[in-house]
Amino acid sequence: MDSKEVSDKVEAVLNELLSEMEDHEEGDLLVDWVLVTYVTNPDKEKKSAYPMLWSNGEIPVYRALGLLRIGLMSLNDSLE
């Protein structure tokens, strides 16, 4: 499966979930997203990883940095 196909599948799920969120408003459009994941394997000989998925399989660096920065700010706010 190529990165565009992966992106399309993730985006379909995100759109479905976003439409059910409390602050969703009619007409909201999902434009860009970054999904950071952590995967591990019970087999101790295999490594863990942090796969990252991008909208449309690629994203401008400044947008990815902006999204990740917003995520960090949100996490920091939740710690206070």
Protein backbone atom coordinates (compact mmCIF):
# COMPACT_ATOMS: atom_id res chain seq x y z
CA MET A 1 0.00 0.00 0.00
CA ASP A 2 1.49 3.37 -0.98
CA SER A 3 1.55 6.44 1.29
CA LYS A 4 -1.43 8.08 -0.46
CA GLU A 5 -3.59 5.00 0.14
CA VAL A 6 -2.56 4.93 3.81
CA SER A 7 -3.32 8.65 4.08
CA ASP A 8 -6.78 8.21 2.54
CA LYS A 9 -7.67 5.46 5.03
CA VAL A 10 -6.45 7.43 8.05
CA GLU A 11 -8.17 10.58 6.84
CA ALA A 12 -11.51 8.78 6.43
CA VAL A 13 -11.36 7.64 10.05
CA LEU A 14 -10.24 11.08 11.27
CA ASN A 15 -13.10 12.79 9.44
CA GLU A 16 -15.59 10.38 10.99
CA LEU A 17 -14.22 10.92 14.49
CA LEU A 18 -13.86 14.69 14.14
CA SER A 19 -17.50 15.01 13.07
CA GLU A 20 -18.54 13.37 16.35
CA MET A 21 -16.43 15.65 18.56
CA GLU A 22 -18.09 18.26 20.75
CA ASP A 23 -16.48 21.31 19.17
CA HIS A 24 -17.05 20.21 15.55
CA GLU A 25 -19.04 22.67 13.49
CA GLU A 26 -20.86 22.15 10.20
CA GLY A 27 -18.49 22.97 7.34
CA ASP A 28 -15.24 22.17 9.21
CA LEU A 29 -12.68 20.66 6.82
CA LEU A 30 -9.70 18.52 7.75
CA VAL A 31 -6.76 20.05 5.90
CA ASP A 32 -3.49 18.66 7.30
CA TRP A 33 -2.67 16.17 10.00
CA VAL A 34 0.24 14.27 11.55
CA LEU A 35 -0.25 10.97 13.35
CA VAL A 36 2.52 9.87 15.71
CA THR A 37 2.34 6.29 16.86
CA TYR A 38 4.34 3.91 19.03
CA VAL A 39 4.57 0.25 18.09
CA THR A 40 6.34 -2.55 19.89
CA ASN A 41 6.57 -6.29 19.56
CA PRO A 42 6.31 -8.91 22.33
CA ASP A 43 9.34 -10.57 20.73
CA LYS A 44 12.18 -8.92 22.70
CA GLU A 45 14.55 -9.37 19.74
CA LYS A 46 12.46 -7.04 17.60
CA LYS A 47 12.67 -3.29 18.06
CA SER A 48 10.04 -0.73 18.94
CA ALA A 49 9.39 2.18 16.61
CA TYR A 50 7.59 5.52 16.27
CA PRO A 51 5.96 5.51 12.83
CA MET A 52 4.66 8.89 11.70
CA LEU A 53 1.94 9.27 9.09
CA TRP A 54 1.34 12.50 7.17
CA SER A 55 -1.69 13.80 5.34
CA ASN A 56 -1.47 12.98 1.64
CA GLY A 57 1.71 11.00 2.33
CA GLU A 58 3.76 14.19 2.59
CA ILE A 59 3.44 17.56 4.24
CA PRO A 60 5.47 20.78 4.16
CA VAL A 61 7.97 20.80 7.02
CA TYR A 62 6.66 24.08 8.45
CA ARG A 63 3.14 22.62 8.71
CA ALA A 64 4.34 19.40 10.35
CA LEU A 65 6.40 21.42 12.83
CA GLY A 66 3.42 23.65 13.55
CA LEU A 67 1.10 20.70 14.18
CA LEU A 68 3.64 18.96 16.40
CA ARG A 69 4.34 22.21 18.29
CA ILE A 70 0.59 22.69 18.93
CA GLY A 71 0.44 19.09 20.21
CA LEU A 72 3.32 19.74 22.62
CA MET A 73 1.69 22.96 23.84
CA SER A 74 -1.58 21.08 24.45
CA LEU A 75 0.25 18.39 26.41
CA ASN A 76 2.10 20.99 28.49
CA ASP A 77 -1.19 22.75 29.24
CA SER A 78 -2.75 19.49 30.42
CA LEU A 79 0.15 18.97 32.85
CA GLU A 80 -0.47 22.29 34.59
